[in-house]
């Protein structure tokens, strides 16, 4: 289905995914809480629209990567509960991707805010 009905259906799937992440993923809830605190701070501290977008965008990137990591973990768990080296590696790599986006937040916030405030 295309057009507006397809867009509405896709939005429903996205909403269901956000609800599942909120319900089942403690890390996602913690990162949302941090976003609720830091996003307004980023808007306030940014000197212009570009800085504000970069500061807040780096936070949203963490949420997006956490959603992808959670999807990967759910898929691996669905394939089997027994331990397998590749399953462990996949989960570790997903976790590392989330960590990299968190490091990106520190880098972006430091590079944007350091010249203005320190």
PDB file of N, CA and C in Angstrom:
ATOM      1  N   UNK A   1       0.855  -1.176   0.000  1.00  0.00           N
ATOM      2  CA  UNK A   1       0.000   0.000   0.000  1.00  0.00           C
ATOM      3  C   UNK A   1       0.897   1.233   0.000  1.00  0.00           C
ATOM      4  N   UNK A   2       0.568   2.170  -0.844  1.00  0.00           N
ATOM      5  CA  UNK A   2       1.367   3.377  -0.997  1.00  0.00           C
ATOM      6  C   UNK A   2       0.590   4.605  -0.596  1.00  0.00           C
ATOM      7  N   UNK A   3       1.260   5.732  -0.692  1.00  0.00           N
ATOM      8  CA  UNK A   3       0.623   7.001  -0.402  1.00  0.00           C
ATOM      9  C   UNK A   3       0.395   7.203   1.088  1.00  0.00           C
ATOM     10  N   UNK A   4      -0.605   8.009   1.377  1.00  0.00           N
ATOM     11  CA  UNK A   4      -0.911   8.352   2.774  1.00  0.00           C
ATOM     12  C   UNK A   4      -1.270   7.113   3.597  1.00  0.00           C
ATOM     13  N   UNK A   5      -2.094   6.194   3.098  1.00  0.00           N
ATOM     14  CA  UNK A   5      -2.384   5.002   3.910  1.00  0.00           C
ATOM     15  C   UNK A   5      -1.135   4.194   4.249  1.00  0.00           C
ATOM     16  N   UNK A   6      -0.209   4.075   3.307  1.00  0.00           N
ATOM     17  CA  UNK A   6       1.036   3.364   3.564  1.00  0.00           C
ATOM     18  C   UNK A   6       1.896   4.088   4.595  1.00  0.00           C
ATOM     19  N   UNK A   7       1.904   5.396   4.515  1.00  0.00           N
ATOM     20  CA  UNK A   7       2.653   6.197   5.477  1.00  0.00           C
ATOM     21  C   UNK A   7       2.065   6.047   6.881  1.00  0.00           C
ATOM     22  N   UNK A   8       0.746   6.035   6.958  1.00  0.00           N
ATOM     23  CA  UNK A   8       0.082   5.855   8.256  1.00  0.00           C
ATOM     24  C   UNK A   8       0.378   4.474   8.816  1.00  0.00           C
ATOM     25  N   UNK A   9       0.337   3.464   7.977  1.00  0.00           N
ATOM     26  CA  UNK A   9       0.655   2.104   8.428  1.00  0.00           C
ATOM     27  C   UNK A   9       2.104   2.033   8.922  1.00  0.00           C
ATOM     28  N   UNK A  10       3.035   2.617   8.178  1.00  0.00           N
ATOM     29  CA  UNK A  10       4.441   2.617   8.579  1.00  0.00           C
ATOM     30  C   UNK A  10       4.629   3.346   9.905  1.00  0.00           C
ATOM     31  N   UNK A  11       3.921   4.452  10.096  1.00  0.00           N
ATOM     32  CA  UNK A  11       4.008   5.181  11.363  1.00  0.00           C
ATOM     33  C   UNK A  11       3.495   4.321  12.509  1.00  0.00           C
ATOM     34  N   UNK A  12       2.475   3.530  12.256  1.00  0.00           N
ATOM     35  CA  UNK A  12       1.963   2.620  13.282  1.00  0.00           C
ATOM     36  C   UNK A  12       2.987   1.572  13.673  1.00  0.00           C
ATOM     37  N   UNK A  13       3.697   1.040  12.694  1.00  0.00           N
ATOM     38  CA  UNK A  13       4.759   0.069  12.991  1.00  0.00           C
ATOM     39  C   UNK A  13       5.880   0.726  13.803  1.00  0.00           C
ATOM     40  N   UNK A  14       6.215   1.948  13.429  1.00  0.00           N
ATOM     41  CA  UNK A  14       7.255   2.673  14.164  1.00  0.00           C
ATOM     42  C   UNK A  14       6.822   2.929  15.599  1.00  0.00           C
ATOM     43  N   UNK A  15       5.582   3.322  15.787  1.00  0.00           N
ATOM     44  CA  UNK A  15       5.069   3.564  17.133  1.00  0.00           C
ATOM     45  C   UNK A  15       5.102   2.268  17.958  1.00  0.00           C
ATOM     46  N   UNK A  16       4.732   1.152  17.344  1.00  0.00           N
ATOM     47  CA  UNK A  16       4.779  -0.135  18.042  1.00  0.00           C
ATOM     48  C   UNK A  16       6.217  -0.476  18.443  1.00  0.00           C
ATOM     49  N   UNK A  17       7.172  -0.166  17.580  1.00  0.00           N
ATOM     50  CA  UNK A  17       8.575  -0.408  17.906  1.00  0.00           C
ATOM     51  C   UNK A  17       9.043   0.447  19.069  1.00  0.00           C
ATOM     52  N   UNK A  18       8.640   1.709  19.079  1.00  0.00           N
ATOM     53  CA  UNK A  18       9.005   2.582  20.199  1.00  0.00           C
ATOM     54  C   UNK A  18       8.381   2.093  21.502  1.00  0.00           C
ATOM     55  N   UNK A  19       7.146   1.644  21.432  1.00  0.00           N
ATOM     56  CA  UNK A  19       6.487   1.110  22.633  1.00  0.00           C
ATOM     57  C   UNK A  19       7.207  -0.143  23.141  1.00  0.00           C
ATOM     58  N   UNK A  20       7.597  -1.023  22.231  1.00  0.00           N
ATOM     59  CA  UNK A  20       8.300  -2.240  22.624  1.00  0.00           C
ATOM     60  C   UNK A  20       9.652  -1.894  23.253  1.00  0.00           C
ATOM     61  N   UNK A  21      10.364  -0.942  22.662  1.00  0.00           N
ATOM     62  CA  UNK A  21      11.653  -0.544  23.223  1.00  0.00           C
ATOM     63  C   UNK A  21      11.466   0.033  24.621  1.00  0.00           C
ATOM     64  N   UNK A  22      10.451   0.857  24.787  1.00  0.00           N
ATOM     65  CA  UNK A  22      10.198   1.451  26.106  1.00  0.00           C
ATOM     66  C   UNK A  22       9.840   0.371  27.131  1.00  0.00           C
ATOM     67  N   UNK A  23       9.064  -0.589  26.709  1.00  0.00           N
ATOM     68  CA  UNK A  23       8.595  -1.627  27.633  1.00  0.00           C
ATOM     69  C   UNK A  23       9.687  -2.623  28.015  1.00  0.00           C
ATOM     70  N   UNK A  24      10.505  -3.011  27.052  1.00  0.00           N
ATOM     71  CA  UNK A  24      11.426  -4.125  27.266  1.00  0.00           C
ATOM     72  C   UNK A  24      12.898  -3.733  27.401  1.00  0.00           C
ATOM     73  N   UNK A  25      13.266  -2.534  27.058  1.00  0.00           N
ATOM     74  CA  UNK A  25      14.682  -2.166  27.003  1.00  0.00           C
ATOM     75  C   UNK A  25      15.010  -1.074  28.018  1.00  0.00           C
ATOM     76  N   UNK A  26      15.624  -1.481  29.113  1.00  0.00           N
ATOM     77  CA  UNK A  26      15.987  -0.524  30.157  1.00  0.00           C
ATOM     78  C   UNK A  26      16.974   0.522  29.638  1.00  0.00           C
ATOM     79  N   UNK A  27      17.905   0.107  28.804  1.00  0.00           N
ATOM     80  CA  UNK A  27      18.881   1.051  28.253  1.00  0.00           C
ATOM     81  C   UNK A  27      18.185   2.139  27.445  1.00  0.00           C
ATOM     82  N   UNK A  28      17.179   1.762  26.678  1.00  0.00           N
ATOM     83  CA  UNK A  28      16.440   2.741  25.889  1.00  0.00           C
ATOM     84  C   UNK A  28      15.752   3.744  26.801  1.00  0.00           C
ATOM     85  N   UNK A  29      15.127   3.272  27.871  1.00  0.00           N
ATOM     86  CA  UNK A  29      14.458   4.185  28.804  1.00  0.00           C
ATOM     87  C   UNK A  29      15.451   5.160  29.427  1.00  0.00           C
ATOM     88  N   UNK A  30      16.628   4.668  29.795  1.00  0.00           N
ATOM     89  CA  UNK A  30      17.656   5.532  30.376  1.00  0.00           C
ATOM     90  C   UNK A  30      18.124   6.575  29.361  1.00  0.00           C
ATOM     91  N   UNK A  31      18.339   6.145  28.129  1.00  0.00           N
ATOM     92  CA  UNK A  31      18.794   7.084  27.098  1.00  0.00           C
ATOM     93  C   UNK A  31      17.724   8.104  26.750  1.00  0.00           C
ATOM     94  N   UNK A  32      16.458   7.718  26.776  1.00  0.00           N
ATOM     95  CA  UNK A  32      15.378   8.686  26.573  1.00  0.00           C
ATOM     96  C   UNK A  32      15.386   9.710  27.697  1.00  0.00           C
ATOM     97  N   UNK A  33      15.561   9.239  28.934  1.00  0.00           N
ATOM     98  CA  UNK A  33      15.605  10.159  30.075  1.00  0.00           C
ATOM     99  C   UNK A  33      16.751  11.164  29.912  1.00  0.00           C
ATOM    100  N   UNK A  34      17.916  10.678  29.482  1.00  0.00           N
ATOM    101  CA  UNK A  34      19.035  11.587  29.247  1.00  0.00           C
ATOM    102  C   UNK A  34      18.727  12.576  28.127  1.00  0.00           C
ATOM    103  N   UNK A  35      18.051  12.117  27.100  1.00  0.00           N
ATOM    104  CA  UNK A  35      17.659  13.013  26.002  1.00  0.00           C
ATOM    105  C   UNK A  35      16.690  14.090  26.482  1.00  0.00           C
ATOM    106  N   UNK A  36      15.780  13.709  27.355  1.00  0.00           N
ATOM    107  CA  UNK A  36      14.813  14.670  27.880  1.00  0.00           C
ATOM    108  C   UNK A  36      15.530  15.781  28.645  1.00  0.00           C
ATOM    109  N   UNK A  37      16.608  15.431  29.314  1.00  0.00           N
ATOM    110  CA  UNK A  37      17.391  16.422  30.057  1.00  0.00           C
ATOM    111  C   UNK A  37      18.326  17.193  29.128  1.00  0.00           C
ATOM    112  N   UNK A  38      19.049  16.472  28.269  1.00  0.00           N
ATOM    113  CA  UNK A  38      20.108  17.095  27.482  1.00  0.00           C
ATOM    114  C   UNK A  38      19.612  17.839  26.240  1.00  0.00           C
ATOM    115  N   UNK A  39      18.530  17.398  25.620  1.00  0.00           N
ATOM    116  CA  UNK A  39      18.063  18.068  24.397  1.00  0.00           C
ATOM    117  C   UNK A  39      17.703  19.537  24.657  1.00  0.00           C
ATOM    118  N   UNK A  40      16.913  19.843  25.686  1.00  0.00           N
ATOM    119  CA  UNK A  40      16.661  21.270  25.950  1.00  0.00           C
ATOM    120  C   UNK A  40      17.940  22.039  26.285  1.00  0.00           C
ATOM    121  N   UNK A  41      18.867  21.385  26.975  1.00  0.00           N
ATOM    122  CA  UNK A  41      20.147  22.012  27.286  1.00  0.00           C
ATOM    123  C   UNK A  41      20.917  22.311  26.001  1.00  0.00           C
ATOM    124  N   UNK A  42      20.889  21.367  25.058  1.00  0.00           N
ATOM    125  CA  UNK A  42      21.552  21.587  23.781  1.00  0.00           C
ATOM    126  C   UNK A  42      20.943  22.724  22.991  1.00  0.00           C
ATOM    127  N   UNK A  43      19.612  22.826  23.044  1.00  0.00           N
ATOM    128  CA  UNK A  43      18.932  23.933  22.357  1.00  0.00           C
ATOM    129  C   UNK A  43      19.320  25.262  23.005  1.00  0.00           C
ATOM    130  N   UNK A  44      19.418  25.268  24.319  1.00  0.00           N
ATOM    131  CA  UNK A  44      19.738  26.490  25.047  1.00  0.00           C
ATOM    132  C   UNK A  44      21.204  26.896  24.859  1.00  0.00           C
ATOM    133  N   UNK A  45      22.106  25.912  24.881  1.00  0.00           N
ATOM    134  CA  UNK A  45      23.535  26.215  24.794  1.00  0.00           C
ATOM    135  C   UNK A  45      24.021  26.480  23.376  1.00  0.00           C
ATOM    136  N   UNK A  46      23.341  25.925  22.392  1.00  0.00           N
ATOM    137  CA  UNK A  46      23.758  26.139  21.006  1.00  0.00           C
ATOM    138  C   UNK A  46      23.615  27.601  20.618  1.00  0.00           C
ATOM    139  N   UNK A  47      24.591  28.103  19.869  1.00  0.00           N
ATOM    140  CA  UNK A  47      24.600  29.516  19.482  1.00  0.00           C
ATOM    141  C   UNK A  47      23.707  29.816  18.277  1.00  0.00           C
ATOM    142  N   UNK A  48      23.479  28.817  17.443  1.00  0.00           N
ATOM    143  CA  UNK A  48      22.642  29.022  16.253  1.00  0.00           C
ATOM    144  C   UNK A  48      21.949  27.710  15.912  1.00  0.00           C
ATOM    145  N   UNK A  49      21.195  27.727  14.846  1.00  0.00           N
ATOM    146  CA  UNK A  49      20.432  26.548  14.455  1.00  0.00           C
ATOM    147  C   UNK A  49      21.295  25.338  14.148  1.00  0.00           C
ATOM    148  N   UNK A  50      22.431  25.567  13.526  1.00  0.00           N
ATOM    149  CA  UNK A  50      23.329  24.462  13.182  1.00  0.00           C
ATOM    150  C   UNK A  50      23.854  23.800  14.447  1.00  0.00           C
ATOM    151  N   UNK A  51      24.333  24.589  15.375  1.00  0.00           N
ATOM    152  CA  UNK A  51      24.856  24.023  16.619  1.00  0.00           C
ATOM    153  C   UNK A  51      23.766  23.285  17.382  1.00  0.00           C
ATOM    154  N   UNK A  52      22.596  23.867  17.448  1.00  0.00           N
ATOM    155  CA  UNK A  52      21.492  23.218  18.149  1.00  0.00           C
ATOM    156  C   UNK A  52      21.142  21.885  17.491  1.00  0.00           C
ATOM    157  N   UNK A  53      21.088  21.884  16.168  1.00  0.00           N
ATOM    158  CA  UNK A  53      20.754  20.654  15.436  1.00  0.00           C
ATOM    159  C   UNK A  53      21.809  19.578  15.656  1.00  0.00           C
ATOM    160  N   UNK A  54      23.073  19.959  15.674  1.00  0.00           N
ATOM    161  CA  UNK A  54      24.150  18.987  15.862  1.00  0.00           C
ATOM    162  C   UNK A  54      24.116  18.435  17.282  1.00  0.00           C
ATOM    163  N   UNK A  55      23.908  19.299  18.267  1.00  0.00           N
ATOM    164  CA  UNK A  55      23.871  18.850  19.654  1.00  0.00           C
ATOM    165  C   UNK A  55      22.710  17.891  19.889  1.00  0.00           C
ATOM    166  N   UNK A  56      21.523  18.282  19.462  1.00  0.00           N
ATOM    167  CA  UNK A  56      20.344  17.435  19.673  1.00  0.00           C
ATOM    168  C   UNK A  56      20.395  16.217  18.753  1.00  0.00           C
ATOM    169  N   UNK A  57      20.854  16.392  17.531  1.00  0.00           N
ATOM    170  CA  UNK A  57      20.939  15.281  16.592  1.00  0.00           C
ATOM    171  C   UNK A  57      21.856  14.175  17.072  1.00  0.00           C
ATOM    172  N   UNK A  58      22.935  14.545  17.743  1.00  0.00           N
ATOM    173  CA  UNK A  58      23.847  13.514  18.256  1.00  0.00           C
ATOM    174  C   UNK A  58      23.151  12.667  19.321  1.00  0.00           C
ATOM    175  N   UNK A  59      22.255  13.272  20.080  1.00  0.00           N
ATOM    176  CA  UNK A  59      21.486  12.522  21.080  1.00  0.00           C
ATOM    177  C   UNK A  59      20.505  11.571  20.411  1.00  0.00           C
ATOM    178  N   UNK A  60      19.833  12.065  19.373  1.00  0.00           N
ATOM    179  CA  UNK A  60      18.858  11.221  18.672  1.00  0.00           C
ATOM    180  C   UNK A  60      19.542  10.048  17.974  1.00  0.00           C
ATOM    181  N   UNK A  61      20.777  10.250  17.552  1.00  0.00           N
ATOM    182  CA  UNK A  61      21.536   9.164  16.933  1.00  0.00           C
ATOM    183  C   UNK A  61      21.755   8.019  17.922  1.00  0.00           C
ATOM    184  N   UNK A  62      21.985   8.344  19.189  1.00  0.00           N
ATOM    185  CA  UNK A  62      22.137   7.299  20.206  1.00  0.00           C
ATOM    186  C   UNK A  62      20.847   6.493  20.321  1.00  0.00           C
ATOM    187  N   UNK A  63      19.708   7.179  20.342  1.00  0.00           N
ATOM    188  CA  UNK A  63      18.428   6.463  20.433  1.00  0.00           C
ATOM    189  C   UNK A  63      18.219   5.560  19.225  1.00  0.00           C
ATOM    190  N   UNK A  64      18.522   6.078  18.042  1.00  0.00           N
ATOM    191  CA  UNK A  64      18.347   5.269  16.832  1.00  0.00           C
ATOM    192  C   UNK A  64      19.247   4.039  16.867  1.00  0.00           C
ATOM    193  N   UNK A  65      20.486   4.204  17.303  1.00  0.00           N
ATOM    194  CA  UNK A  65      21.395   3.063  17.356  1.00  0.00           C
ATOM    195  C   UNK A  65      20.970   2.080  18.433  1.00  0.00           C
ATOM    196  N   UNK A  66      20.450   2.567  19.546  1.00  0.00           N
ATOM    197  CA  UNK A  66      19.946   1.666  20.589  1.00  0.00           C
ATOM    198  C   UNK A  66      18.775   0.842  20.060  1.00  0.00           C
ATOM    199  N   UNK A  67      17.904   1.461  19.274  1.00  0.00           N
ATOM    200  CA  UNK A  67      16.796   0.717  18.671  1.00  0.00           C
ATOM    201  C   UNK A  67      17.316  -0.369  17.735  1.00  0.00           C
ATOM    202  N   UNK A  68      18.333  -0.041  16.933  1.00  0.00           N
ATOM    203  CA  UNK A  68      18.912  -1.044  16.032  1.00  0.00           C
ATOM    204  C   UNK A  68      19.574  -2.170  16.827  1.00  0.00           C
ATOM    205  N   UNK A  69      20.282  -1.818  17.891  1.00  0.00           N
ATOM    206  CA  UNK A  69      20.923  -2.832  18.715  1.00  0.00           C
ATOM    207  C   UNK A  69      19.883  -3.738  19.366  1.00  0.00           C
ATOM    208  N   UNK A  70      18.806  -3.152  19.838  1.00  0.00           N
ATOM    209  CA  UNK A  70      17.749  -3.951  20.457  1.00  0.00           C
ATOM    210  C   UNK A  70      17.102  -4.884  19.438  1.00  0.00           C
ATOM    211  N   UNK A  71      16.914  -4.390  18.214  1.00  0.00           N
ATOM    212  CA  UNK A  71      16.362  -5.235  17.157  1.00  0.00           C
ATOM    213  C   UNK A  71      17.302  -6.398  16.852  1.00  0.00           C
ATOM    214  N   UNK A  72      18.593  -6.122  16.775  1.00  0.00           N
ATOM    215  CA  UNK A  72      19.582  -7.162  16.525  1.00  0.00           C
ATOM    216  C   UNK A  72      19.570  -8.207  17.639  1.00  0.00           C
ATOM    217  N   UNK A  73      19.537  -7.747  18.890  1.00  0.00           N
ATOM    218  CA  UNK A  73      19.521  -8.674  20.012  1.00  0.00           C
ATOM    219  C   UNK A  73      18.260  -9.539  20.008  1.00  0.00           C
ATOM    220  N   UNK A  74      17.115  -8.936  19.690  1.00  0.00           N
ATOM    221  CA  UNK A  74      15.868  -9.705  19.629  1.00  0.00           C
ATOM    222  C   UNK A  74      15.953 -10.771  18.541  1.00  0.00           C
ATOM    223  N   UNK A  75      16.523 -10.411  17.397  1.00  0.00           N
ATOM    224  CA  UNK A  75      16.661 -11.372  16.305  1.00  0.00           C
ATOM    225  C   UNK A  75      17.595 -12.515  16.684  1.00  0.00           C
ATOM    226  N   UNK A  76      18.716 -12.192  17.296  1.00  0.00           N
ATOM    227  CA  UNK A  76      19.659 -13.231  17.723  1.00  0.00           C
ATOM    228  C   UNK A  76      18.986 -14.152  18.743  1.00  0.00           C
ATOM    229  N   UNK A  77      18.281 -13.571  19.698  1.00  0.00           N
ATOM    230  CA  UNK A  77      17.592 -14.375  20.707  1.00  0.00           C
ATOM    231  C   UNK A  77      16.513 -15.244  20.075  1.00  0.00           C
ATOM    232  N   UNK A  78      15.871 -14.756  19.045  1.00  0.00           N
ATOM    233  CA  UNK A  78      14.828 -15.515  18.346  1.00  0.00           C
ATOM    234  C   UNK A  78      15.409 -16.734  17.636  1.00  0.00           C
ATOM    235  N   UNK A  79      16.635 -16.585  17.157  1.00  0.00           N
ATOM    236  CA  UNK A  79      17.264 -17.682  16.417  1.00  0.00           C
ATOM    237  C   UNK A  79      17.639 -18.853  17.313  1.00  0.00           C
ATOM    238  N   UNK A  80      17.878 -18.572  18.590  1.00  0.00           N
ATOM    239  CA  UNK A  80      18.210 -19.675  19.487  1.00  0.00           C
ATOM    240  C   UNK A  80      18.781 -19.181  20.796  1.00  0.00           C
ATOM    241  N   UNK A  81      18.474 -19.891  21.850  1.00  0.00           N
ATOM    242  CA  UNK A  81      18.921 -19.492  23.186  1.00  0.00           C
ATOM    243  C   UNK A  81      20.310 -20.037  23.503  1.00  0.00           C
ATOM    244  N   UNK A  82      20.767 -21.043  22.755  1.00  0.00           N
ATOM    245  CA  UNK A  82      22.076 -21.612  23.049  1.00  0.00           C
ATOM    246  C   UNK A  82      23.169 -20.616  22.653  1.00  0.00           C
ATOM    247  N   UNK A  83      24.284 -20.691  23.379  1.00  0.00           N
ATOM    248  CA  UNK A  83      25.387 -19.781  23.110  1.00  0.00           C
ATOM    249  C   UNK A  83      26.064 -20.163  21.796  1.00  0.00           C
ATOM    250  N   UNK A  84      26.365 -19.158  21.014  1.00  0.00           N
ATOM    251  CA  UNK A  84      27.126 -19.364  19.784  1.00  0.00           C
ATOM    252  C   UNK A  84      28.073 -18.183  19.637  1.00  0.00           C
ATOM    253  N   UNK A  85      29.286 -18.454  19.197  1.00  0.00           N
ATOM    254  CA  UNK A  85      30.287 -17.398  19.068  1.00  0.00           C
ATOM    255  C   UNK A  85      29.793 -16.243  18.203  1.00  0.00           C
ATOM    256  N   UNK A  86      29.171 -16.545  17.076  1.00  0.00           N
ATOM    257  CA  UNK A  86      28.706 -15.488  16.178  1.00  0.00           C
ATOM    258  C   UNK A  86      27.549 -14.691  16.782  1.00  0.00           C
ATOM    259  N   UNK A  87      26.697 -15.357  17.543  1.00  0.00           N
ATOM    260  CA  UNK A  87      25.614 -14.636  18.213  1.00  0.00           C
ATOM    261  C   UNK A  87      26.183 -13.664  19.237  1.00  0.00           C
ATOM    262  N   UNK A  88      27.148 -14.138  20.008  1.00  0.00           N
ATOM    263  CA  UNK A  88      27.799 -13.265  20.973  1.00  0.00           C
ATOM    264  C   UNK A  88      28.509 -12.104  20.309  1.00  0.00           C
ATOM    265  N   UNK A  89      29.178 -12.387  19.200  1.00  0.00           N
ATOM    266  CA  UNK A  89      29.872 -11.332  18.466  1.00  0.00           C
ATOM    267  C   UNK A  89      28.895 -10.304  17.927  1.00  0.00           C
ATOM    268  N   UNK A  90      27.772 -10.770  17.380  1.00  0.00           N
ATOM    269  CA  UNK A  90      26.773  -9.843  16.855  1.00  0.00           C
ATOM    270  C   UNK A  90      26.253  -8.915  17.954  1.00  0.00           C
ATOM    271  N   UNK A  91      25.962  -9.477  19.117  1.00  0.00           N
ATOM    272  CA  UNK A  91      25.472  -8.656  20.226  1.00  0.00           C
ATOM    273  C   UNK A  91      26.549  -7.680  20.703  1.00  0.00           C
ATOM    274  N   UNK A  92      27.789  -8.145  20.776  1.00  0.00           N
ATOM    275  CA  UNK A  92      28.881  -7.266  21.200  1.00  0.00           C
ATOM    276  C   UNK A  92      29.091  -6.126  20.205  1.00  0.00           C
ATOM    277  N   UNK A  93      29.003  -6.442  18.919  1.00  0.00           N
ATOM    278  CA  UNK A  93      29.173  -5.406  17.899  1.00  0.00           C
ATOM    279  C   UNK A  93      28.044  -4.378  17.961  1.00  0.00           C
ATOM    280  N   UNK A  94      26.819  -4.843  18.193  1.00  0.00           N
ATOM    281  CA  UNK A  94      25.705  -3.911  18.346  1.00  0.00           C
ATOM    282  C   UNK A  94      25.909  -2.998  19.542  1.00  0.00           C
ATOM    283  N   UNK A  95      26.364  -3.573  20.634  1.00  0.00           N
ATOM    284  CA  UNK A  95      26.645  -2.780  21.829  1.00  0.00           C
ATOM    285  C   UNK A  95      27.757  -1.777  21.566  1.00  0.00           C
ATOM    286  N   UNK A  96      28.769  -2.191  20.839  1.00  0.00           N
ATOM    287  CA  UNK A  96      29.872  -1.289  20.501  1.00  0.00           C
ATOM    288  C   UNK A  96      29.389  -0.135  19.626  1.00  0.00           C
ATOM    289  N   UNK A  97      28.441  -0.406  18.746  1.00  0.00           N
ATOM    290  CA  UNK A  97      27.892   0.661  17.901  1.00  0.00           C
ATOM    291  C   UNK A  97      27.176   1.705  18.754  1.00  0.00           C
ATOM    292  N   UNK A  98      26.429   1.259  19.757  1.00  0.00           N
ATOM    293  CA  UNK A  98      25.772   2.197  20.670  1.00  0.00           C
ATOM    294  C   UNK A  98      26.830   3.006  21.414  1.00  0.00           C
ATOM    295  N   UNK A  99      27.862   2.334  21.896  1.00  0.00           N
ATOM    296  CA  UNK A  99      28.939   3.013  22.609  1.00  0.00           C
ATOM    297  C   UNK A  99      29.609   4.061  21.720  1.00  0.00           C
ATOM    298  N   UNK A 100      29.818   3.736  20.448  1.00  0.00           N
ATOM    299  CA  UNK A 100      30.438   4.686  19.521  1.00  0.00           C
ATOM    300  C   UNK A 100      29.572   5.931  19.362  1.00  0.00           C
ATOM    301  N   UNK A 101      28.247   5.761  19.323  1.00  0.00           N
ATOM    302  CA  UNK A 101      27.387   6.940  19.204  1.00  0.00           C
ATOM    303  C   UNK A 101      27.403   7.761  20.496  1.00  0.00           C
ATOM    304  N   UNK A 102      27.600   7.095  21.627  1.00  0.00           N
ATOM    305  CA  UNK A 102      27.739   7.838  22.885  1.00  0.00           C
ATOM    306  C   UNK A 102      29.040   8.639  22.902  1.00  0.00           C
ATOM    307  N   UNK A 103      30.116   8.046  22.401  1.00  0.00           N
ATOM    308  CA  UNK A 103      31.373   8.787  22.276  1.00  0.00           C
ATOM    309  C   UNK A 103      31.207   9.966  21.324  1.00  0.00           C
ATOM    310  N   UNK A 104      30.405   9.765  20.281  1.00  0.00           N
ATOM    311  CA  UNK A 104      30.119  10.841  19.339  1.00  0.00           C
ATOM    312  C   UNK A 104      29.433  12.007  20.054  1.00  0.00           C
ATOM    313  N   UNK A 105      28.514  11.719  20.966  1.00  0.00           N
ATOM    314  CA  UNK A 105      27.856  12.784  21.735  1.00  0.00           C
ATOM    315  C   UNK A 105      28.904  13.592  22.488  1.00  0.00           C
ATOM    316  N   UNK A 106      29.813  12.896  23.180  1.00  0.00           N
ATOM    317  CA  UNK A 106      30.848  13.608  23.929  1.00  0.00           C
ATOM    318  C   UNK A 106      31.720  14.461  23.012  1.00  0.00           C
ATOM    319  N   UNK A 107      32.102  13.903  21.879  1.00  0.00           N
ATOM    320  CA  UNK A 107      32.932  14.630  20.926  1.00  0.00           C
ATOM    321  C   UNK A 107      32.202  15.857  20.380  1.00  0.00           C
ATOM    322  N   UNK A 108      30.973  15.662  19.917  1.00  0.00           N
ATOM    323  CA  UNK A 108      30.206  16.762  19.332  1.00  0.00           C
ATOM    324  C   UNK A 108      29.962  17.862  20.365  1.00  0.00           C
ATOM    325  N   UNK A 109      29.494  17.473  21.541  1.00  0.00           N
ATOM    326  CA  UNK A 109      29.209  18.475  22.561  1.00  0.00           C
ATOM    327  C   UNK A 109      30.487  19.210  22.970  1.00  0.00           C
ATOM    328  N   UNK A 110      31.583  18.473  23.098  1.00  0.00           N
ATOM    329  CA  UNK A 110      32.847  19.112  23.450  1.00  0.00           C
ATOM    330  C   UNK A 110      33.325  20.090  22.383  1.00  0.00           C
ATOM    331  N   UNK A 111      33.293  19.657  21.131  1.00  0.00           N
ATOM    332  CA  UNK A 111      33.775  20.510  20.047  1.00  0.00           C
ATOM    333  C   UNK A 111      32.889  21.726  19.829  1.00  0.00           C
ATOM    334  N   UNK A 112      31.589  21.569  20.020  1.00  0.00           N
ATOM    335  CA  UNK A 112      30.679  22.697  19.816  1.00  0.00           C
ATOM    336  C   UNK A 112      30.728  23.673  20.995  1.00  0.00           C
ATOM    337  N   UNK A 113      30.718  23.137  22.202  1.00  0.00           N
ATOM    338  CA  UNK A 113      30.576  24.000  23.370  1.00  0.00           C
ATOM    339  C   UNK A 113      31.892  24.540  23.905  1.00  0.00           C
ATOM    340  N   UNK A 114      32.986  23.827  23.726  1.00  0.00           N
ATOM    341  CA  UNK A 114      34.271  24.274  24.285  1.00  0.00           C
ATOM    342  C   UNK A 114      34.639  25.695  23.874  1.00  0.00           C
ATOM    343  N   UNK A 115      34.575  26.028  22.589  1.00  0.00           N
ATOM    344  CA  UNK A 115      34.993  27.388  22.210  1.00  0.00           C
ATOM    345  C   UNK A 115      34.107  28.484  22.798  1.00  0.00           C
ATOM    346  N   UNK A 116      32.856  28.178  23.100  1.00  0.00           N
ATOM    347  CA  UNK A 116      31.927  29.195  23.581  1.00  0.00           C
ATOM    348  C   UNK A 116      31.933  29.365  25.085  1.00  0.00           C
ATOM    349  N   UNK A 117      32.142  28.292  25.802  1.00  0.00           N
ATOM    350  CA  UNK A 117      31.864  28.327  27.229  1.00  0.00           C
ATOM    351  C   UNK A 117      33.049  28.013  28.130  1.00  0.00           C
ATOM    352  N   UNK A 118      34.167  27.584  27.595  1.00  0.00           N
ATOM    353  CA  UNK A 118      35.292  27.244  28.473  1.00  0.00           C
ATOM    354  C   UNK A 118      36.519  28.050  28.174  1.00  0.00           C
TER     355      UNK A 118
END
